[in-house]
Amino acid sequence: MPTNKSQHFVPQHYLRQFRIEGTKQIAVARLEPLTLIPRATINEQCKQDYFYRDDGQLDQLLQQCEKDLAPVLVRVSQGKEFDDKELVALRFLAVILHVRNRKVIEIAKLFPKKIAYEVIKSAIERGELPPCPEPGGWKEGLMDFSGVAGSLMKWNAIPCWLEMQTLGCKLLEAAPHTYFITSDHPVVMMNQFFASSEPHRSFAGFSRSGFQLVLPLSPNLCAFFYDPFVYKVGARRRQLIQLNPADVELVNSLQVQSAEQCVYFHNPDYLSEVRGCVSKYLGLRTSIRNALRELPGRNPNETLIHIRQPSIKLPRPWSFCAYRKSKRIGENNQRDPAWSKFVKAITEDMEAHPGRDVFTSMEMILGEPFTEREIVN
C-alpha cells in the first residue's frame, strides 16, 4: 500500500482557489439532503483512505502533476489570460481532474460489477458455487473493483488530452457581484448540438463534434472548451468573456447537476444564493445508476445491458455560446477524424511499447521528430 493513506480525488490546490479569503477553509453545500456548512477544512474534502489502492506510484505521479499544474492555475486565475504553454496545461488539468475523480471511477465500475454479479449469481443458482453467507444472500453491491483509477489514468488521460488540442478555449468572467461555484466533480462534459438528437447515446465524448467542457477555475473565472467548428464563442481574438448574471447561474447549475455529493464556494455570506441555486436545479440531478440500463432481449431469458455517461442538461440557452451558421461535422460525428485516427495510432503504439512516452510514439508513427511546441500549434 502507498505510504500516503489519505488520498484526494479532487486535489487541494484546486479547491484552494475557492477558499474563504485568508483561511484554509471553504464553504460547503451537501446536496442530498441539502445541508449548508459555512466553514469546513479543505484538507478534509474530496478524500478517501487508500483511494487509488496501488503501490503508491500513481499517487506520486498525481502529486507531481499537482506541483506542475498548481502555479499555472494560479497565474491564469489572477491574470485572466493564458499563453500557449498555459493552454496546454489547462487542457491537461481538465483531463486529470476528470479521470481521477471518484464519480467517474464509480461510473466506470458499473458495467464490470454488473457482469460479475450476474456471473456469480448464475453459478450459485446452478450449484457451482456455495450460497453467499451474507444476510440476504448474494446481491449487488457486495463486490467492488480496485485499480480502476490507475486504468483510467493509463489508458484515457493521454488520448483525451490529445483530443482536447482541437478544441477552442475561452475564459468566462463572472458578472459583478456574482460568483462561480465548484464541486466534488468539477469537470462538466456536455454536447448541446447532439444532446437532443441522440438522447440514448454517450454523445459527450472528447472526440465528438459539438463537444463542450466547462471547468470553474476560481470564483471569478471559468474555463470553457468547445468545438470551434460548431460553436461561436465571443470575439475571435479575445480570450476573456464577461458573462451576465443569468449565464453565471447557468454555469453554476451545471455544477449542481455534476456534483457527486457537494458543491463548494468561497464566501459564507453567499449561503442564501447557493441554497437558491441548489434548490432550483436539484431536480435535474440523476443517479450514476442511470448510466446503466437493462433492456429486454429477443427472448425472455435474454437481457441487454446499455451503459452511457449520465447527461448534463443545459436548463436554457446561454448568451455567450451560439451555433455557427455553417457547422462542420466530421465523419462518424468526429470533430477531426484525421486527428482522432492519429490519436488512436499513438494509443496503440504506447500500449504495444510500455514505457514509451507520447512524443516518442508520435515520432515513430510520423517518422520524424515531434515536439510539444507542435502540440501547441
Protein backbone atom coordinates (compact mmCIF):
# COMPACT_ATOMS: atom_id res chain seq x y z
CA MET A 1 0.00 0.00 0.00
CA PRO A 2 1.17 3.59 -0.57
CA THR A 3 2.68 5.46 2.36
CA ASN A 4 0.14 8.27 1.86
CA LYS A 5 -3.05 6.89 3.43
CA SER A 6 -5.32 9.90 2.87
CA GLN A 7 -5.72 10.42 -0.88
CA HIS A 8 -7.71 13.20 -2.57
CA PHE A 9 -9.77 12.62 -5.72
CA VAL A 10 -10.09 16.39 -6.18
CA PRO A 11 -6.70 17.99 -5.38
CA GLN A 12 -6.39 20.52 -2.61
CA HIS A 13 -4.56 23.00 -4.84
CA TYR A 14 -7.72 23.21 -6.97
CA LEU A 15 -10.11 23.63 -4.02
CA ARG A 16 -7.83 26.32 -2.55
CA GLN A 17 -8.87 28.50 -5.49
CA PHE A 18 -12.28 28.64 -3.80
CA ARG A 19 -11.11 29.03 -0.21
CA ILE A 20 -12.51 31.58 2.19
CA GLU A 21 -10.10 34.50 1.94
CA GLY A 22 -7.21 34.34 4.39
CA THR A 23 -8.08 30.83 5.61
CA LYS A 24 -7.64 27.16 4.78
CA GLN A 25 -11.39 26.70 4.81
CA ILE A 26 -14.15 26.51 2.23
CA ALA A 27 -17.95 26.84 2.32
CA VAL A 28 -19.83 23.62 1.51
CA ALA A 29 -23.34 22.67 0.45
CA ARG A 30 -24.14 18.96 0.77
CA LEU A 31 -26.85 18.26 -1.75
CA GLU A 32 -28.97 15.31 -0.64
CA PRO A 33 -30.34 16.28 1.81
CA LEU A 34 -29.42 19.93 1.37
CA THR A 35 -27.10 20.90 4.23
CA LEU A 36 -25.11 24.12 4.33
CA ILE A 37 -21.76 24.21 6.12
CA PRO A 38 -20.40 27.79 6.33
CA ARG A 39 -16.81 26.72 7.08
CA ALA A 40 -15.06 23.40 6.51
CA THR A 41 -11.38 22.45 6.29
CA ILE A 42 -10.20 22.00 2.70
CA ASN A 43 -7.94 19.11 3.70
CA GLU A 44 -10.99 17.10 4.75
CA GLN A 45 -12.81 17.45 1.41
CA CYS A 46 -12.87 15.00 -1.52
CA LYS A 47 -10.63 12.38 0.05
CA GLN A 48 -10.74 8.69 0.89
CA ASP A 49 -8.29 6.36 2.59
CA TYR A 50 -6.16 4.48 0.04
CA PHE A 51 -8.48 5.66 -2.72
CA TYR A 52 -6.08 4.72 -5.53
CA ARG A 53 -5.19 1.37 -3.94
CA ASP A 54 -1.90 0.92 -5.77
CA ASP A 55 1.70 0.69 -4.62
CA GLY A 56 2.00 4.46 -4.41
CA GLN A 57 3.31 5.13 -7.94
CA LEU A 58 0.02 6.64 -9.17
CA ASP A 59 -0.26 8.81 -6.06
CA GLN A 60 3.28 10.06 -6.59
CA LEU A 61 2.53 10.78 -10.26
CA LEU A 62 -0.55 12.79 -9.31
CA GLN A 63 1.40 14.76 -6.71
CA GLN A 64 3.96 15.68 -9.38
CA CYS A 65 1.15 16.73 -11.74
CA GLU A 66 -0.27 18.94 -9.00
CA LYS A 67 3.12 20.64 -8.45
CA ASP A 68 3.34 21.39 -12.18
CA LEU A 69 -0.28 22.48 -12.69
CA ALA A 70 -0.96 24.43 -9.47
CA PRO A 71 1.13 27.52 -10.35
CA VAL A 72 -0.40 27.63 -13.85
CA LEU A 73 -3.89 27.60 -12.37
CA VAL A 74 -2.98 30.49 -10.04
CA ARG A 75 -1.38 32.54 -12.82
CA VAL A 76 -4.30 32.13 -15.20
CA SER A 77 -6.85 32.88 -12.49
CA GLN A 78 -5.08 36.04 -11.44
CA GLY A 79 -4.10 37.28 -14.90
CA LYS A 80 -7.35 36.23 -16.64
CA GLU A 81 -5.40 35.19 -19.72
CA PHE A 82 -3.20 32.32 -20.91
CA ASP A 83 -0.30 31.81 -23.29
CA ASP A 84 0.24 28.72 -25.46
CA LYS A 85 2.04 26.70 -22.80
CA GLU A 86 -0.54 27.59 -20.15
CA LEU A 87 -3.29 26.45 -22.53
CA VAL A 88 -1.59 23.06 -22.84
CA ALA A 89 -1.52 22.87 -19.03
CA LEU A 90 -5.20 23.90 -18.71
CA ARG A 91 -6.18 21.14 -21.11
CA PHE A 92 -4.21 18.60 -19.10
CA LEU A 93 -5.65 19.93 -15.82
CA ALA A 94 -9.18 19.37 -17.13
CA VAL A 95 -8.38 15.80 -18.19
CA ILE A 96 -6.64 14.90 -14.92
CA LEU A 97 -9.46 16.35 -12.81
CA HIS A 98 -11.85 14.23 -14.86
CA VAL A 99 -10.14 10.83 -14.93
CA ARG A 100 -9.04 10.81 -11.27
CA ASN A 101 -12.48 11.72 -9.90
CA ARG A 102 -14.44 9.30 -7.69
CA LYS A 103 -17.75 9.78 -9.51
CA VAL A 104 -16.15 8.99 -12.87
CA ILE A 105 -14.43 5.94 -11.40
CA GLU A 106 -17.68 4.65 -9.87
CA ILE A 107 -19.41 5.02 -13.23
CA ALA A 108 -16.59 3.06 -14.87
CA LYS A 109 -17.16 0.24 -12.38
CA LEU A 110 -20.87 -0.16 -13.14
CA PHE A 111 -20.54 -2.48 -16.11
CA PRO A 112 -17.90 -4.90 -14.72
CA LYS A 113 -19.69 -5.03 -11.36
CA LYS A 114 -22.96 -5.87 -13.09
CA ILE A 115 -21.36 -8.63 -15.16
CA ALA A 116 -19.59 -10.09 -12.12
CA TYR A 117 -22.83 -10.04 -10.14
CA GLU A 118 -24.75 -11.90 -12.88
CA VAL A 119 -21.98 -14.49 -13.42
CA ILE A 120 -21.70 -15.31 -9.71
CA LYS A 121 -25.49 -15.31 -9.25
CA SER A 122 -25.86 -17.78 -12.12
CA ALA A 123 -23.11 -20.01 -10.72
CA ILE A 124 -24.80 -20.07 -7.28
CA GLU A 125 -28.15 -20.94 -8.85
CA ARG A 126 -26.54 -23.84 -10.77
CA GLY A 127 -24.84 -25.11 -7.63
CA GLU A 128 -21.35 -24.42 -8.97
CA LEU A 129 -20.70 -22.00 -6.09
CA PRO A 130 -21.92 -22.20 -2.47
CA PRO A 131 -24.62 -19.77 -1.31
CA CYS A 132 -23.38 -16.39 -0.12
CA PRO A 133 -23.12 -16.36 3.71
CA GLU A 134 -24.09 -12.68 3.90
CA PRO A 135 -27.59 -11.89 5.28
CA GLY A 136 -29.98 -11.79 2.35
CA GLY A 137 -27.69 -13.88 0.18
CA TRP A 138 -25.82 -12.74 -2.89
CA LYS A 139 -26.83 -9.27 -4.01
CA GLU A 140 -25.45 -6.35 -5.93
CA GLY A 141 -23.03 -4.16 -4.04
CA LEU A 142 -21.12 -6.97 -2.33
CA MET A 143 -18.32 -6.84 -4.90
CA ASP A 144 -16.05 -3.96 -5.78
CA PHE A 145 -13.08 -3.45 -8.10
CA SER A 146 -9.74 -1.83 -7.32
CA GLY A 147 -7.26 -0.35 -9.75
CA VAL A 148 -9.89 1.44 -11.85
CA ALA A 149 -8.32 4.85 -11.21
CA GLY A 150 -4.97 3.61 -12.50
CA SER A 151 -6.55 2.11 -15.60
CA LEU A 152 -8.43 5.30 -16.42
CA MET A 153 -5.27 7.36 -15.95
CA LYS A 154 -3.18 4.98 -18.03
CA TRP A 155 -5.49 4.50 -20.99
CA ASN A 156 -7.69 7.62 -21.04
CA ALA A 157 -5.61 10.60 -19.91
CA ILE A 158 -3.28 10.89 -22.92
CA PRO A 159 -5.89 10.29 -25.68
CA CYS A 160 -8.36 12.70 -24.03
CA TRP A 161 -5.64 15.33 -23.66
CA LEU A 162 -4.65 14.93 -27.31
CA GLU A 163 -8.28 15.23 -28.44
CA MET A 164 -8.55 18.48 -26.50
CA GLN A 165 -5.92 20.05 -28.77
CA THR A 166 -8.63 20.54 -31.41
CA LEU A 167 -10.95 22.41 -29.02
CA GLY A 168 -11.21 26.16 -28.69
CA CYS A 169 -10.86 27.73 -25.23
CA LYS A 170 -12.27 30.88 -23.70
CA LEU A 171 -12.17 32.23 -20.15
CA LEU A 172 -15.54 33.19 -18.72
CA GLU A 173 -15.55 36.01 -16.15
CA ALA A 174 -18.37 36.22 -13.63
CA ALA A 175 -20.54 39.33 -13.78
CA PRO A 176 -20.01 41.88 -10.96
CA HIS A 177 -21.44 40.68 -7.63
CA THR A 178 -21.83 37.11 -8.93
CA TYR A 179 -19.52 34.12 -8.45
CA PHE A 180 -18.85 30.66 -9.77
CA ILE A 181 -19.17 27.62 -7.53
CA THR A 182 -17.40 24.29 -7.96
CA SER A 183 -17.99 20.72 -6.75
CA ASP A 184 -16.50 17.34 -5.91
CA HIS A 185 -16.90 16.55 -9.63
CA PRO A 186 -15.90 19.88 -11.19
CA VAL A 187 -15.37 18.87 -14.85
CA VAL A 188 -18.67 19.17 -16.73
CA MET A 189 -18.80 17.50 -20.14
CA MET A 190 -21.73 18.16 -22.44
CA ASN A 191 -22.77 18.50 -26.07
CA GLN A 192 -25.55 20.97 -26.84
CA PHE A 193 -25.60 20.02 -30.50
CA PHE A 194 -26.21 16.26 -30.14
CA ALA A 195 -27.99 16.25 -26.78
CA SER A 196 -31.49 16.37 -28.23
CA SER A 197 -30.86 14.25 -31.34
CA GLU A 198 -29.09 11.35 -29.56
CA PRO A 199 -30.63 11.06 -26.07
CA HIS A 200 -29.74 7.35 -25.75
CA ARG A 201 -26.05 7.59 -26.67
CA SER A 202 -22.99 8.89 -24.88
CA PHE A 203 -22.68 11.98 -27.06
CA ALA A 204 -20.28 13.84 -24.75
CA GLY A 205 -17.08 12.15 -25.93
CA PHE A 206 -13.80 14.08 -26.15
CA SER A 207 -13.52 13.44 -29.91
CA ARG A 208 -17.15 14.16 -30.81
CA SER A 209 -18.36 17.06 -32.89
CA GLY A 210 -20.16 19.56 -30.67
CA PHE A 211 -18.21 18.59 -27.52
CA GLN A 212 -18.03 21.15 -24.68
CA LEU A 213 -16.18 21.09 -21.35
CA VAL A 214 -16.79 23.55 -18.51
CA LEU A 215 -14.36 23.89 -15.59
CA PRO A 216 -14.55 26.64 -12.92
CA LEU A 217 -11.04 27.89 -12.13
CA SER A 218 -11.88 30.35 -9.35
CA PRO A 219 -14.92 32.21 -8.01
CA ASN A 220 -14.43 34.78 -10.77
CA LEU A 221 -13.17 32.69 -13.69
CA CYS A 222 -14.25 29.58 -15.59
CA ALA A 223 -12.59 27.74 -18.50
CA PHE A 224 -14.85 26.87 -21.42
CA PHE A 225 -13.60 24.40 -24.05
CA TYR A 226 -15.69 23.94 -27.18
CA ASP A 227 -15.81 22.62 -30.74
CA PRO A 228 -14.88 25.67 -32.87
CA PHE A 229 -16.47 24.08 -35.96
CA VAL A 230 -19.91 24.02 -34.32
CA TYR A 231 -19.99 26.95 -31.88
CA LYS A 232 -19.08 30.62 -31.97
CA VAL A 233 -17.96 31.88 -28.55
CA GLY A 234 -17.15 35.53 -28.05
CA ALA A 235 -14.84 37.61 -30.24
CA ARG A 236 -12.34 35.65 -32.27
CA ARG A 237 -9.15 37.14 -30.84
CA ARG A 238 -10.31 37.70 -27.26
CA GLN A 239 -9.72 35.08 -24.60
CA LEU A 240 -11.94 36.67 -21.93
CA ILE A 241 -15.73 36.94 -21.99
CA GLN A 242 -17.66 38.66 -19.21
CA LEU A 243 -20.90 36.83 -18.51
CA ASN A 244 -24.19 38.32 -17.44
CA PRO A 245 -25.75 37.11 -14.14
CA ALA A 246 -28.13 34.72 -15.95
CA ASP A 247 -25.22 32.94 -17.66
CA VAL A 248 -23.29 32.68 -14.37
CA GLU A 249 -26.34 30.96 -12.89
CA LEU A 250 -26.39 28.52 -15.82
CA VAL A 251 -22.73 27.63 -15.31
CA ASN A 252 -23.43 27.06 -11.60
CA SER A 253 -26.45 24.91 -12.43
CA LEU A 254 -24.10 22.52 -14.26
CA GLN A 255 -22.05 22.07 -11.08
CA VAL A 256 -25.20 21.24 -9.10
CA GLN A 257 -26.02 18.54 -11.66
CA SER A 258 -22.47 17.24 -11.98
CA ALA A 259 -21.56 17.04 -8.28
CA GLU A 260 -21.35 13.67 -6.58
CA GLN A 261 -22.26 14.94 -3.11
CA CYS A 262 -21.10 18.53 -2.52
CA VAL A 263 -20.70 21.92 -4.12
CA TYR A 264 -18.13 24.42 -2.82
CA PHE A 265 -17.90 28.20 -2.71
CA HIS A 266 -15.63 30.90 -1.35
CA ASN A 267 -17.82 33.07 0.89
CA PRO A 268 -20.16 32.01 3.73
CA ASP A 269 -22.18 35.17 3.05
CA TYR A 270 -23.16 33.52 -0.25
CA LEU A 271 -25.15 30.79 1.58
CA SER A 272 -28.60 32.04 0.62
CA GLU A 273 -27.66 32.39 -3.07
CA VAL A 274 -26.22 28.88 -3.14
CA ARG A 275 -29.28 27.50 -1.38
CA GLY A 276 -31.48 29.09 -4.03
CA CYS A 277 -29.36 27.77 -6.91
CA VAL A 278 -29.23 24.24 -5.49
CA SER A 279 -32.97 24.17 -4.77
CA LYS A 280 -33.76 25.43 -8.26
CA TYR A 281 -31.67 22.86 -10.13
CA LEU A 282 -31.60 19.88 -7.76
CA GLY A 283 -34.37 18.19 -9.75
CA LEU A 284 -32.09 17.90 -12.79
CA ARG A 285 -29.64 15.64 -10.97
CA THR A 286 -29.55 11.97 -11.93
CA SER A 287 -28.07 8.99 -10.10
CA ILE A 288 -24.97 7.36 -11.53
CA ARG A 289 -27.05 4.16 -11.59
CA ASN A 290 -28.93 5.73 -14.50
CA ALA A 291 -25.78 5.32 -16.56
CA LEU A 292 -26.55 1.57 -16.74
CA ARG A 293 -29.86 0.31 -18.08
CA GLU A 294 -31.18 -3.22 -18.53
CA LEU A 295 -33.31 -3.74 -21.63
CA PRO A 296 -35.37 -6.80 -22.63
CA GLY A 297 -33.72 -9.04 -25.19
CA ARG A 298 -35.12 -11.11 -28.03
CA ASN A 299 -36.39 -13.80 -25.68
CA PRO A 300 -37.48 -13.98 -22.01
CA ASN A 301 -34.05 -15.30 -20.92
CA GLU A 302 -32.06 -12.54 -22.61
CA THR A 303 -31.24 -9.10 -21.19
CA LEU A 304 -29.32 -6.32 -22.90
CA ILE A 305 -27.11 -4.02 -20.82
CA HIS A 306 -26.74 -0.46 -22.08
CA ILE A 307 -24.29 1.98 -20.50
CA ARG A 308 -23.52 5.63 -21.22
CA GLN A 309 -22.27 8.68 -19.38
CA PRO A 310 -25.03 10.49 -17.42
CA SER A 311 -26.28 13.54 -19.32
CA ILE A 312 -25.87 17.09 -18.08
CA LYS A 313 -28.75 19.32 -19.19
CA LEU A 314 -28.47 22.98 -20.03
CA PRO A 315 -31.69 24.37 -18.50
CA ARG A 316 -31.95 27.12 -21.13
CA PRO A 317 -29.68 28.58 -23.83
CA TRP A 318 -26.83 30.77 -22.69
CA SER A 319 -25.97 34.00 -24.48
CA PHE A 320 -22.20 33.64 -24.89
CA CYS A 321 -22.19 30.44 -26.99
CA ALA A 322 -24.15 30.23 -30.25
CA TYR A 323 -24.25 27.80 -33.17
CA ARG A 324 -22.31 28.67 -36.29
CA LYS A 325 -24.34 29.24 -39.43
CA SER A 326 -22.15 26.74 -41.27
CA LYS A 327 -21.33 23.87 -38.91
CA ARG A 328 -18.69 21.32 -39.81
CA ILE A 329 -19.47 17.82 -38.59
CA GLY A 330 -16.76 15.25 -39.26
CA GLU A 331 -17.15 11.69 -40.49
CA ASN A 332 -18.82 9.43 -37.88
CA ASN A 333 -19.61 12.65 -35.97
CA GLN A 334 -15.95 13.09 -35.05
CA ARG A 335 -14.68 16.63 -34.74
CA ASP A 336 -11.44 15.93 -36.63
CA PRO A 337 -11.41 12.35 -37.98
CA ALA A 338 -7.81 12.51 -39.21
CA TRP A 339 -6.53 13.72 -35.84
CA SER A 340 -8.62 11.12 -33.97
CA LYS A 341 -7.13 8.40 -36.18
CA PHE A 342 -3.66 9.70 -35.31
CA VAL A 343 -4.54 9.72 -31.60
CA LYS A 344 -5.72 6.11 -31.84
CA ALA A 345 -2.45 5.10 -33.51
CA ILE A 346 -0.48 6.79 -30.72
CA THR A 347 -2.50 4.99 -28.05
CA GLU A 348 -1.99 1.62 -29.73
CA ASP A 349 1.76 2.26 -30.11
CA MET A 350 2.12 3.19 -26.43
CA GLU A 351 0.13 0.10 -25.44
CA ALA A 352 2.36 -2.11 -27.59
CA HIS A 353 5.53 -0.50 -26.20
CA PRO A 354 5.14 0.07 -22.43
CA GLY A 355 7.33 2.89 -21.19
CA ARG A 356 7.28 4.77 -24.48
CA ASP A 357 6.13 8.38 -23.99
CA VAL A 358 3.62 10.17 -26.19
CA PHE A 359 6.15 12.22 -28.13
CA THR A 360 8.30 9.19 -28.93
CA SER A 361 5.21 7.39 -30.22
CA MET A 362 4.40 10.37 -32.42
CA GLU A 363 7.89 10.31 -33.84
CA MET A 364 7.72 6.59 -34.55
CA ILE A 365 4.39 6.97 -36.36
CA LEU A 366 5.37 10.06 -38.34
CA GLY A 367 8.97 9.04 -38.94
CA GLU A 368 10.25 12.45 -37.82
CA PRO A 369 10.79 14.38 -34.55
CA PHE A 370 7.68 15.76 -32.86
CA THR A 371 7.78 18.30 -30.05
CA GLU A 372 5.44 19.82 -27.51
CA ARG A 373 5.59 23.05 -29.50
CA GLU A 374 3.83 21.30 -32.39
CA ILE A 375 1.10 20.15 -29.98
CA VAL A 376 0.56 23.80 -29.03
CA ASN A 377 0.31 24.85 -32.66
